[in-house]
Amino acid sequence: MPGTGGSEILSLTPNPVSDKALVTCFIAKQGRVTLSILDSGGRPVALLAEGTAPPGIQSHTLNAEGLAPGIYFCVLTTPEGRSVKKFAVAGK
């Protein structure tokens, strides 16, 4: 079981992102999961996953082509809590 035993974002690579990134998460228990992208002001700008997820390691692709260069947050929300990973989108 990765980390402290709770659900968490394991990695977001590459960081900084120029076009696409791979977000890898560990889900501790089956339940409702939301994986979203927030801008530096906390506003949602993308939704990568929403729904019931089984326990285990899950991967999702982030398409950053429509995001302006800057700092963003990838947020995994589960019944156990939240995991946040800060990342940057690079200019082209």
PDB file of N, CA and C in Angstrom:
ATOM      1  N   MET A   1       0.843  -1.177   0.000  1.00  0.00           N
ATOM      2  CA  MET A   1       0.000   0.000   0.000  1.00  0.00           C
ATOM      3  C   MET A   1       0.892   1.245   0.000  1.00  0.00           C
ATOM      4  N   PRO A   2       0.845   2.067  -1.015  1.00  0.00           N
ATOM      5  CA  PRO A   2       1.684   3.261  -1.061  1.00  0.00           C
ATOM      6  C   PRO A   2       1.354   4.260   0.048  1.00  0.00           C
ATOM      7  N   GLY A   3       2.338   5.071   0.402  1.00  0.00           N
ATOM      8  CA  GLY A   3       2.129   6.182   1.334  1.00  0.00           C
ATOM      9  C   GLY A   3       1.634   5.761   2.700  1.00  0.00           C
ATOM     10  N   THR A   4       0.693   6.512   3.225  1.00  0.00           N
ATOM     11  CA  THR A   4       0.188   6.301   4.578  1.00  0.00           C
ATOM     12  C   THR A   4      -1.000   5.361   4.631  1.00  0.00           C
ATOM     13  N   GLY A   5      -1.394   4.796   3.530  1.00  0.00           N
ATOM     14  CA  GLY A   5      -2.526   3.889   3.517  1.00  0.00           C
ATOM     15  C   GLY A   5      -3.791   4.511   2.981  1.00  0.00           C
ATOM     16  N   GLY A   6      -3.811   5.831   2.817  1.00  0.00           N
ATOM     17  CA  GLY A   6      -4.971   6.496   2.248  1.00  0.00           C
ATOM     18  C   GLY A   6      -4.809   6.685   0.755  1.00  0.00           C
ATOM     19  N   SER A   7      -5.865   7.117   0.111  1.00  0.00           N
ATOM     20  CA  SER A   7      -5.800   7.404  -1.320  1.00  0.00           C
ATOM     21  C   SER A   7      -4.912   8.615  -1.540  1.00  0.00           C
ATOM     22  N   GLU A   8      -4.135   8.600  -2.621  1.00  0.00           N
ATOM     23  CA  GLU A   8      -3.227   9.714  -2.883  1.00  0.00           C
ATOM     24  C   GLU A   8      -2.822   9.762  -4.352  1.00  0.00           C
ATOM     25  N   ILE A   9      -2.383  10.954  -4.776  1.00  0.00           N
ATOM     26  CA  ILE A   9      -1.778  11.114  -6.094  1.00  0.00           C
ATOM     27  C   ILE A   9      -0.318  10.701  -5.939  1.00  0.00           C
ATOM     28  N   LEU A  10       0.098   9.683  -6.663  1.00  0.00           N
ATOM     29  CA  LEU A  10       1.468   9.191  -6.563  1.00  0.00           C
ATOM     30  C   LEU A  10       2.429  10.016  -7.403  1.00  0.00           C
ATOM     31  N   SER A  11       1.999  10.378  -8.619  1.00  0.00           N
ATOM     32  CA  SER A  11       2.885  11.143  -9.495  1.00  0.00           C
ATOM     33  C   SER A  11       2.087  11.871 -10.562  1.00  0.00           C
ATOM     34  N   LEU A  12       2.706  12.912 -11.084  1.00  0.00           N
ATOM     35  CA  LEU A  12       2.194  13.650 -12.235  1.00  0.00           C
ATOM     36  C   LEU A  12       3.429  13.963 -13.065  1.00  0.00           C
ATOM     37  N   THR A  13       3.588  13.263 -14.184  1.00  0.00           N
ATOM     38  CA  THR A  13       4.790  13.427 -14.991  1.00  0.00           C
ATOM     39  C   THR A  13       4.441  13.622 -16.463  1.00  0.00           C
ATOM     40  N   PRO A  14       5.193  14.436 -17.185  1.00  0.00           N
ATOM     41  CA  PRO A  14       6.299  15.251 -16.685  1.00  0.00           C
ATOM     42  C   PRO A  14       5.777  16.494 -15.976  1.00  0.00           C
ATOM     43  N   ASN A  15       6.619  17.104 -15.199  1.00  0.00           N
ATOM     44  CA  ASN A  15       6.298  18.366 -14.534  1.00  0.00           C
ATOM     45  C   ASN A  15       7.530  19.245 -14.630  1.00  0.00           C
ATOM     46  N   PRO A  16       7.485  20.331 -15.393  1.00  0.00           N
ATOM     47  CA  PRO A  16       6.314  20.977 -15.985  1.00  0.00           C
ATOM     48  C   PRO A  16       5.764  20.220 -17.198  1.00  0.00           C
ATOM     49  N   VAL A  17       4.479  20.471 -17.453  1.00  0.00           N
ATOM     50  CA  VAL A  17       3.735  19.852 -18.549  1.00  0.00           C
ATOM     51  C   VAL A  17       3.733  20.800 -19.737  1.00  0.00           C
ATOM     52  N   SER A  18       3.949  20.259 -20.940  1.00  0.00           N
ATOM     53  CA  SER A  18       3.813  21.108 -22.123  1.00  0.00           C
ATOM     54  C   SER A  18       2.571  20.745 -22.926  1.00  0.00           C
ATOM     55  N   ASP A  19       2.268  19.458 -23.073  1.00  0.00           N
ATOM     56  CA  ASP A  19       1.039  19.094 -23.779  1.00  0.00           C
ATOM     57  C   ASP A  19       0.250  18.015 -23.040  1.00  0.00           C
ATOM     58  N   LYS A  20       0.874  16.890 -22.685  1.00  0.00           N
ATOM     59  CA  LYS A  20       0.168  15.823 -21.959  1.00  0.00           C
ATOM     60  C   LYS A  20       0.999  15.371 -20.769  1.00  0.00           C
ATOM     61  N   ALA A  21       0.301  14.904 -19.731  1.00  0.00           N
ATOM     62  CA  ALA A  21       0.961  14.350 -18.553  1.00  0.00           C
ATOM     63  C   ALA A  21       0.200  13.112 -18.107  1.00  0.00           C
ATOM     64  N   LEU A  22       0.889  12.244 -17.399  1.00  0.00           N
ATOM     65  CA  LEU A  22       0.277  11.048 -16.837  1.00  0.00           C
ATOM     66  C   LEU A  22       0.133  11.248 -15.330  1.00  0.00           C
ATOM     67  N   VAL A  23      -1.105  11.139 -14.842  1.00  0.00           N
ATOM     68  CA  VAL A  23      -1.397  11.267 -13.417  1.00  0.00           C
ATOM     69  C   VAL A  23      -1.657   9.858 -12.891  1.00  0.00           C
ATOM     70  N   THR A  24      -0.856   9.438 -11.917  1.00  0.00           N
ATOM     71  CA  THR A  24      -1.004   8.114 -11.321  1.00  0.00           C
ATOM     72  C   THR A  24      -1.465   8.272  -9.882  1.00  0.00           C
ATOM     73  N   CYS A  25      -2.548   7.569  -9.538  1.00  0.00           N
ATOM     74  CA  CYS A  25      -3.160   7.673  -8.209  1.00  0.00           C
ATOM     75  C   CYS A  25      -3.259   6.296  -7.575  1.00  0.00           C
ATOM     76  N   PHE A  26      -3.238   6.282  -6.250  1.00  0.00           N
ATOM     77  CA  PHE A  26      -3.535   5.064  -5.501  1.00  0.00           C
ATOM     78  C   PHE A  26      -4.870   5.270  -4.812  1.00  0.00           C
ATOM     79  N   ILE A  27      -5.819   4.365  -5.061  1.00  0.00           N
ATOM     80  CA  ILE A  27      -7.137   4.409  -4.430  1.00  0.00           C
ATOM     81  C   ILE A  27      -7.154   3.325  -3.353  1.00  0.00           C
ATOM     82  N   ALA A  28      -7.329   3.740  -2.082  1.00  0.00           N
ATOM     83  CA  ALA A  28      -7.256   2.800  -0.959  1.00  0.00           C
ATOM     84  C   ALA A  28      -8.481   1.895  -0.876  1.00  0.00           C
ATOM     85  N   LYS A  29      -9.669   2.466  -1.071  1.00  0.00           N
ATOM     86  CA  LYS A  29     -10.915   1.698  -0.959  1.00  0.00           C
ATOM     87  C   LYS A  29     -11.840   2.072  -2.101  1.00  0.00           C
ATOM     88  N   GLN A  30     -12.643   1.109  -2.533  1.00  0.00           N
ATOM     89  CA  GLN A  30     -13.621   1.418  -3.573  1.00  0.00           C
ATOM     90  C   GLN A  30     -14.564   2.495  -3.061  1.00  0.00           C
ATOM     91  N   GLY A  31     -14.837   3.451  -3.927  1.00  0.00           N
ATOM     92  CA  GLY A  31     -15.750   4.524  -3.559  1.00  0.00           C
ATOM     93  C   GLY A  31     -15.762   5.607  -4.612  1.00  0.00           C
ATOM     94  N   ARG A  32     -16.482   6.665  -4.324  1.00  0.00           N
ATOM     95  CA  ARG A  32     -16.608   7.785  -5.254  1.00  0.00           C
ATOM     96  C   ARG A  32     -15.299   8.569  -5.289  1.00  0.00           C
ATOM     97  N   VAL A  33     -14.834   8.831  -6.498  1.00  0.00           N
ATOM     98  CA  VAL A  33     -13.560   9.506  -6.714  1.00  0.00           C
ATOM     99  C   VAL A  33     -13.763  10.650  -7.694  1.00  0.00           C
ATOM    100  N   THR A  34     -13.132  11.774  -7.406  1.00  0.00           N
ATOM    101  CA  THR A  34     -13.070  12.886  -8.350  1.00  0.00           C
ATOM    102  C   THR A  34     -11.607  13.279  -8.502  1.00  0.00           C
ATOM    103  N   LEU A  35     -11.138  13.393  -9.740  1.00  0.00           N
ATOM    104  CA  LEU A  35      -9.785  13.849 -10.028  1.00  0.00           C
ATOM    105  C   LEU A  35      -9.929  15.085 -10.901  1.00  0.00           C
ATOM    106  N   SER A  36      -9.594  16.236 -10.327  1.00  0.00           N
ATOM    107  CA  SER A  36      -9.828  17.495 -11.038  1.00  0.00           C
ATOM    108  C   SER A  36      -8.571  18.351 -11.067  1.00  0.00           C
ATOM    109  N   ILE A  37      -8.579  19.321 -11.981  1.00  0.00           N
ATOM    110  CA  ILE A  37      -7.489  20.277 -12.123  1.00  0.00           C
ATOM    111  C   ILE A  37      -8.029  21.651 -11.756  1.00  0.00           C
ATOM    112  N   LEU A  38      -7.313  22.336 -10.850  1.00  0.00           N
ATOM    113  CA  LEU A  38      -7.682  23.687 -10.434  1.00  0.00           C
ATOM    114  C   LEU A  38      -6.585  24.649 -10.846  1.00  0.00           C
ATOM    115  N   ASP A  39      -6.970  25.877 -11.209  1.00  0.00           N
ATOM    116  CA  ASP A  39      -5.963  26.889 -11.504  1.00  0.00           C
ATOM    117  C   ASP A  39      -5.429  27.458 -10.190  1.00  0.00           C
ATOM    118  N   SER A  40      -4.493  28.392 -10.269  1.00  0.00           N
ATOM    119  CA  SER A  40      -3.867  28.928  -9.059  1.00  0.00           C
ATOM    120  C   SER A  40      -4.841  29.692  -8.175  1.00  0.00           C
ATOM    121  N   GLY A  41      -5.989  30.080  -8.704  1.00  0.00           N
ATOM    122  CA  GLY A  41      -7.022  30.753  -7.922  1.00  0.00           C
ATOM    123  C   GLY A  41      -8.025  29.787  -7.313  1.00  0.00           C
ATOM    124  N   GLY A  42      -7.827  28.476  -7.535  1.00  0.00           N
ATOM    125  CA  GLY A  42      -8.723  27.468  -6.976  1.00  0.00           C
ATOM    126  C   GLY A  42      -9.950  27.178  -7.820  1.00  0.00           C
ATOM    127  N   ARG A  43      -9.985  27.715  -9.038  1.00  0.00           N
ATOM    128  CA  ARG A  43     -11.130  27.481  -9.928  1.00  0.00           C
ATOM    129  C   ARG A  43     -10.918  26.200 -10.733  1.00  0.00           C
ATOM    130  N   PRO A  44     -11.955  25.348 -10.836  1.00  0.00           N
ATOM    131  CA  PRO A  44     -11.806  24.129 -11.635  1.00  0.00           C
ATOM    132  C   PRO A  44     -11.666  24.456 -13.121  1.00  0.00           C
ATOM    133  N   VAL A  45     -10.687  23.816 -13.771  1.00  0.00           N
ATOM    134  CA  VAL A  45     -10.472  24.035 -15.205  1.00  0.00           C
ATOM    135  C   VAL A  45     -10.557  22.739 -16.007  1.00  0.00           C
ATOM    136  N   ALA A  46     -10.508  21.589 -15.326  1.00  0.00           N
ATOM    137  CA  ALA A  46     -10.612  20.300 -16.025  1.00  0.00           C
ATOM    138  C   ALA A  46     -11.033  19.221 -15.037  1.00  0.00           C
ATOM    139  N   LEU A  47     -11.729  18.224 -15.563  1.00  0.00           N
ATOM    140  CA  LEU A  47     -12.144  17.065 -14.771  1.00  0.00           C
ATOM    141  C   LEU A  47     -11.578  15.823 -15.457  1.00  0.00           C
ATOM    142  N   LEU A  48     -10.670  15.120 -14.780  1.00  0.00           N
ATOM    143  CA  LEU A  48     -10.034  13.943 -15.374  1.00  0.00           C
ATOM    144  C   LEU A  48     -10.798  12.660 -15.089  1.00  0.00           C
ATOM    145  N   ALA A  49     -11.446  12.596 -13.933  1.00  0.00           N
ATOM    146  CA  ALA A  49     -12.191  11.383 -13.575  1.00  0.00           C
ATOM    147  C   ALA A  49     -13.247  11.727 -12.538  1.00  0.00           C
ATOM    148  N   GLU A  50     -14.398  11.052 -12.660  1.00  0.00           N
ATOM    149  CA  GLU A  50     -15.463  11.222 -11.674  1.00  0.00           C
ATOM    150  C   GLU A  50     -16.307   9.955 -11.686  1.00  0.00           C
ATOM    151  N   GLY A  51     -16.547   9.409 -10.514  1.00  0.00           N
ATOM    152  CA  GLY A  51     -17.361   8.204 -10.426  1.00  0.00           C
ATOM    153  C   GLY A  51     -16.803   7.233  -9.412  1.00  0.00           C
ATOM    154  N   THR A  52     -17.313   6.017  -9.441  1.00  0.00           N
ATOM    155  CA  THR A  52     -16.860   4.983  -8.519  1.00  0.00           C
ATOM    156  C   THR A  52     -15.613   4.315  -9.084  1.00  0.00           C
ATOM    157  N   ALA A  53     -14.587   4.203  -8.242  1.00  0.00           N
ATOM    158  CA  ALA A  53     -13.331   3.584  -8.671  1.00  0.00           C
ATOM    159  C   ALA A  53     -12.993   2.420  -7.753  1.00  0.00           C
ATOM    160  N   PRO A  54     -12.465   1.337  -8.318  1.00  0.00           N
ATOM    161  CA  PRO A  54     -12.040   0.209  -7.494  1.00  0.00           C
ATOM    162  C   PRO A  54     -10.717   0.537  -6.794  1.00  0.00           C
ATOM    163  N   PRO A  55     -10.372  -0.196  -5.747  1.00  0.00           N
ATOM    164  CA  PRO A  55      -9.086   0.045  -5.099  1.00  0.00           C
ATOM    165  C   PRO A  55      -7.930  -0.360  -6.008  1.00  0.00           C
ATOM    166  N   GLY A  56      -6.792   0.308  -5.818  1.00  0.00           N
ATOM    167  CA  GLY A  56      -5.598  -0.011  -6.596  1.00  0.00           C
ATOM    168  C   GLY A  56      -5.016   1.218  -7.258  1.00  0.00           C
ATOM    169  N   ILE A  57      -4.053   0.984  -8.118  1.00  0.00           N
ATOM    170  CA  ILE A  57      -3.374   2.074  -8.823  1.00  0.00           C
ATOM    171  C   ILE A  57      -4.117   2.369 -10.119  1.00  0.00           C
ATOM    172  N   GLN A  58      -4.378   3.651 -10.350  1.00  0.00           N
ATOM    173  CA  GLN A  58      -5.109   4.112 -11.537  1.00  0.00           C
ATOM    174  C   GLN A  58      -4.275   5.187 -12.240  1.00  0.00           C
ATOM    175  N   SER A  59      -4.342   5.228 -13.548  1.00  0.00           N
ATOM    176  CA  SER A  59      -3.639   6.252 -14.324  1.00  0.00           C
ATOM    177  C   SER A  59      -4.621   6.999 -15.209  1.00  0.00           C
ATOM    178  N   HIS A  60      -4.401   8.302 -15.325  1.00  0.00           N
ATOM    179  CA  HIS A  60      -5.254   9.169 -16.142  1.00  0.00           C
ATOM    180  C   HIS A  60      -4.363  10.119 -16.927  1.00  0.00           C
ATOM    181  N   THR A  61      -4.777  10.446 -18.139  1.00  0.00           N
ATOM    182  CA  THR A  61      -4.019  11.372 -18.975  1.00  0.00           C
ATOM    183  C   THR A  61      -4.582  12.777 -18.845  1.00  0.00           C
ATOM    184  N   LEU A  62      -3.692  13.720 -18.590  1.00  0.00           N
ATOM    185  CA  LEU A  62      -4.041  15.138 -18.534  1.00  0.00           C
ATOM    186  C   LEU A  62      -3.636  15.768 -19.857  1.00  0.00           C
ATOM    187  N   ASN A  63      -4.598  16.321 -20.585  1.00  0.00           N
ATOM    188  CA  ASN A  63      -4.318  17.047 -21.815  1.00  0.00           C
ATOM    189  C   ASN A  63      -4.245  18.525 -21.451  1.00  0.00           C
ATOM    190  N   ALA A  64      -3.033  19.079 -21.448  1.00  0.00           N
ATOM    191  CA  ALA A  64      -2.818  20.460 -21.014  1.00  0.00           C
ATOM    192  C   ALA A  64      -2.783  21.446 -22.168  1.00  0.00           C
ATOM    193  N   GLU A  65      -3.100  21.008 -23.381  1.00  0.00           N
ATOM    194  CA  GLU A  65      -2.995  21.889 -24.547  1.00  0.00           C
ATOM    195  C   GLU A  65      -3.860  23.135 -24.437  1.00  0.00           C
ATOM    196  N   GLY A  66      -5.002  23.066 -23.756  1.00  0.00           N
ATOM    197  CA  GLY A  66      -5.874  24.226 -23.632  1.00  0.00           C
ATOM    198  C   GLY A  66      -5.620  25.074 -22.398  1.00  0.00           C
ATOM    199  N   LEU A  67      -4.621  24.705 -21.592  1.00  0.00           N
ATOM    200  CA  LEU A  67      -4.339  25.443 -20.362  1.00  0.00           C
ATOM    201  C   LEU A  67      -3.262  26.494 -20.600  1.00  0.00           C
ATOM    202  N   ALA A  68      -3.470  27.675 -20.053  1.00  0.00           N
ATOM    203  CA  ALA A  68      -2.475  28.742 -20.157  1.00  0.00           C
ATOM    204  C   ALA A  68      -1.265  28.390 -19.298  1.00  0.00           C
ATOM    205  N   PRO A  69      -0.082  28.859 -19.670  1.00  0.00           N
ATOM    206  CA  PRO A  69       1.091  28.613 -18.829  1.00  0.00           C
ATOM    207  C   PRO A  69       0.851  29.142 -17.412  1.00  0.00           C
ATOM    208  N   GLY A  70       1.332  28.397 -16.423  1.00  0.00           N
ATOM    209  CA  GLY A  70       1.176  28.820 -15.032  1.00  0.00           C
ATOM    210  C   GLY A  70       1.162  27.644 -14.083  1.00  0.00           C
ATOM    211  N   ILE A  71       0.772  27.917 -12.838  1.00  0.00           N
ATOM    212  CA  ILE A  71       0.725  26.920 -11.770  1.00  0.00           C
ATOM    213  C   ILE A  71      -0.700  26.389 -11.632  1.00  0.00           C
ATOM    214  N   TYR A  72      -0.806  25.070 -11.472  1.00  0.00           N
ATOM    215  CA  TYR A  72      -2.095  24.394 -11.317  1.00  0.00           C
ATOM    216  C   TYR A  72      -1.994  23.365 -10.196  1.00  0.00           C
ATOM    217  N   PHE A  73      -3.147  22.850  -9.794  1.00  0.00           N
ATOM    218  CA  PHE A  73      -3.209  21.821  -8.761  1.00  0.00           C
ATOM    219  C   PHE A  73      -4.069  20.667  -9.262  1.00  0.00           C
ATOM    220  N   CYS A  74      -3.548  19.457  -9.123  1.00  0.00           N
ATOM    221  CA  CYS A  74      -4.309  18.247  -9.416  1.00  0.00           C
ATOM    222  C   CYS A  74      -4.853  17.766  -8.074  1.00  0.00           C
ATOM    223  N   VAL A  75      -6.169  17.587  -7.981  1.00  0.00           N
ATOM    224  CA  VAL A  75      -6.813  17.263  -6.706  1.00  0.00           C
ATOM    225  C   VAL A  75      -7.584  15.951  -6.832  1.00  0.00           C
ATOM    226  N   LEU A  76      -7.211  14.993  -5.989  1.00  0.00           N
ATOM    227  CA  LEU A  76      -7.918  13.720  -5.884  1.00  0.00           C
ATOM    228  C   LEU A  76      -8.792  13.787  -4.638  1.00  0.00           C
ATOM    229  N   THR A  77     -10.103  13.627  -4.816  1.00  0.00           N
ATOM    230  CA  THR A  77     -11.039  13.658  -3.691  1.00  0.00           C
ATOM    231  C   THR A  77     -11.706  12.295  -3.579  1.00  0.00           C
ATOM    232  N   THR A  78     -11.631  11.708  -2.377  1.00  0.00           N
ATOM    233  CA  THR A  78     -12.246  10.409  -2.087  1.00  0.00           C
ATOM    234  C   THR A  78     -12.986  10.534  -0.757  1.00  0.00           C
ATOM    235  N   PRO A  79     -13.754   9.518  -0.362  1.00  0.00           N
ATOM    236  CA  PRO A  79     -14.412   9.579   0.945  1.00  0.00           C
ATOM    237  C   PRO A  79     -13.426   9.736   2.109  1.00  0.00           C
ATOM    238  N   GLU A  80     -12.164   9.303   1.922  1.00  0.00           N
ATOM    239  CA  GLU A  80     -11.161   9.433   2.988  1.00  0.00           C
ATOM    240  C   GLU A  80     -10.571  10.832   3.087  1.00  0.00           C
ATOM    241  N   GLY A  81     -10.694  11.641   2.038  1.00  0.00           N
ATOM    242  CA  GLY A  81     -10.097  12.976   2.065  1.00  0.00           C
ATOM    243  C   GLY A  81      -9.601  13.402   0.699  1.00  0.00           C
ATOM    244  N   ARG A  82      -8.590  14.309   0.726  1.00  0.00           N
ATOM    245  CA  ARG A  82      -8.054  14.875  -0.515  1.00  0.00           C
ATOM    246  C   ARG A  82      -6.550  14.701  -0.583  1.00  0.00           C
ATOM    247  N   SER A  83      -6.058  14.578  -1.799  1.00  0.00           N
ATOM    248  CA  SER A  83      -4.624  14.577  -2.070  1.00  0.00           C
ATOM    249  C   SER A  83      -4.402  15.607  -3.168  1.00  0.00           C
ATOM    250  N   VAL A  84      -3.388  16.453  -2.997  1.00  0.00           N
ATOM    251  CA  VAL A  84      -3.146  17.549  -3.942  1.00  0.00           C
ATOM    252  C   VAL A  84      -1.710  17.477  -4.442  1.00  0.00           C
ATOM    253  N   LYS A  85      -1.536  17.650  -5.746  1.00  0.00           N
ATOM    254  CA  LYS A  85      -0.210  17.702  -6.354  1.00  0.00           C
ATOM    255  C   LYS A  85      -0.120  18.987  -7.172  1.00  0.00           C
ATOM    256  N   LYS A  86       0.862  19.818  -6.846  1.00  0.00           N
ATOM    257  CA  LYS A  86       1.089  21.077  -7.567  1.00  0.00           C
ATOM    258  C   LYS A  86       1.917  20.778  -8.822  1.00  0.00           C
ATOM    259  N   PHE A  87       1.563  21.441  -9.932  1.00  0.00           N
ATOM    260  CA  PHE A  87       2.338  21.274 -11.157  1.00  0.00           C
ATOM    261  C   PHE A  87       2.294  22.550 -11.978  1.00  0.00           C
ATOM    262  N   ALA A  88       3.175  22.615 -12.955  1.00  0.00           N
ATOM    263  CA  ALA A  88       3.255  23.791 -13.821  1.00  0.00           C
ATOM    264  C   ALA A  88       2.964  23.398 -15.261  1.00  0.00           C
ATOM    265  N   VAL A  89       2.327  24.315 -15.979  1.00  0.00           N
ATOM    266  CA  VAL A  89       2.155  24.185 -17.424  1.00  0.00           C
ATOM    267  C   VAL A  89       3.130  25.170 -18.051  1.00  0.00           C
ATOM    268  N   ALA A  90       4.001  24.656 -18.899  1.00  0.00           N
ATOM    269  CA  ALA A  90       5.027  25.476 -19.532  1.00  0.00           C
ATOM    270  C   ALA A  90       4.481  26.134 -20.784  1.00  0.00           C
ATOM    271  N   GLY A  91       5.031  27.283 -21.110  1.00  0.00           N
ATOM    272  CA  GLY A  91       4.669  27.953 -22.354  1.00  0.00           C
ATOM    273  C   GLY A  91       5.259  27.212 -23.532  1.00  0.00           C
ATOM    274  N   LYS A  92       4.664  27.420 -24.716  1.00  0.00           N
ATOM    275  CA  LYS A  92       5.139  26.708 -25.909  1.00  0.00           C
ATOM    276  C   LYS A  92       6.042  27.575 -26.721  1.00  0.00           C
TER     277      LYS A  92
END
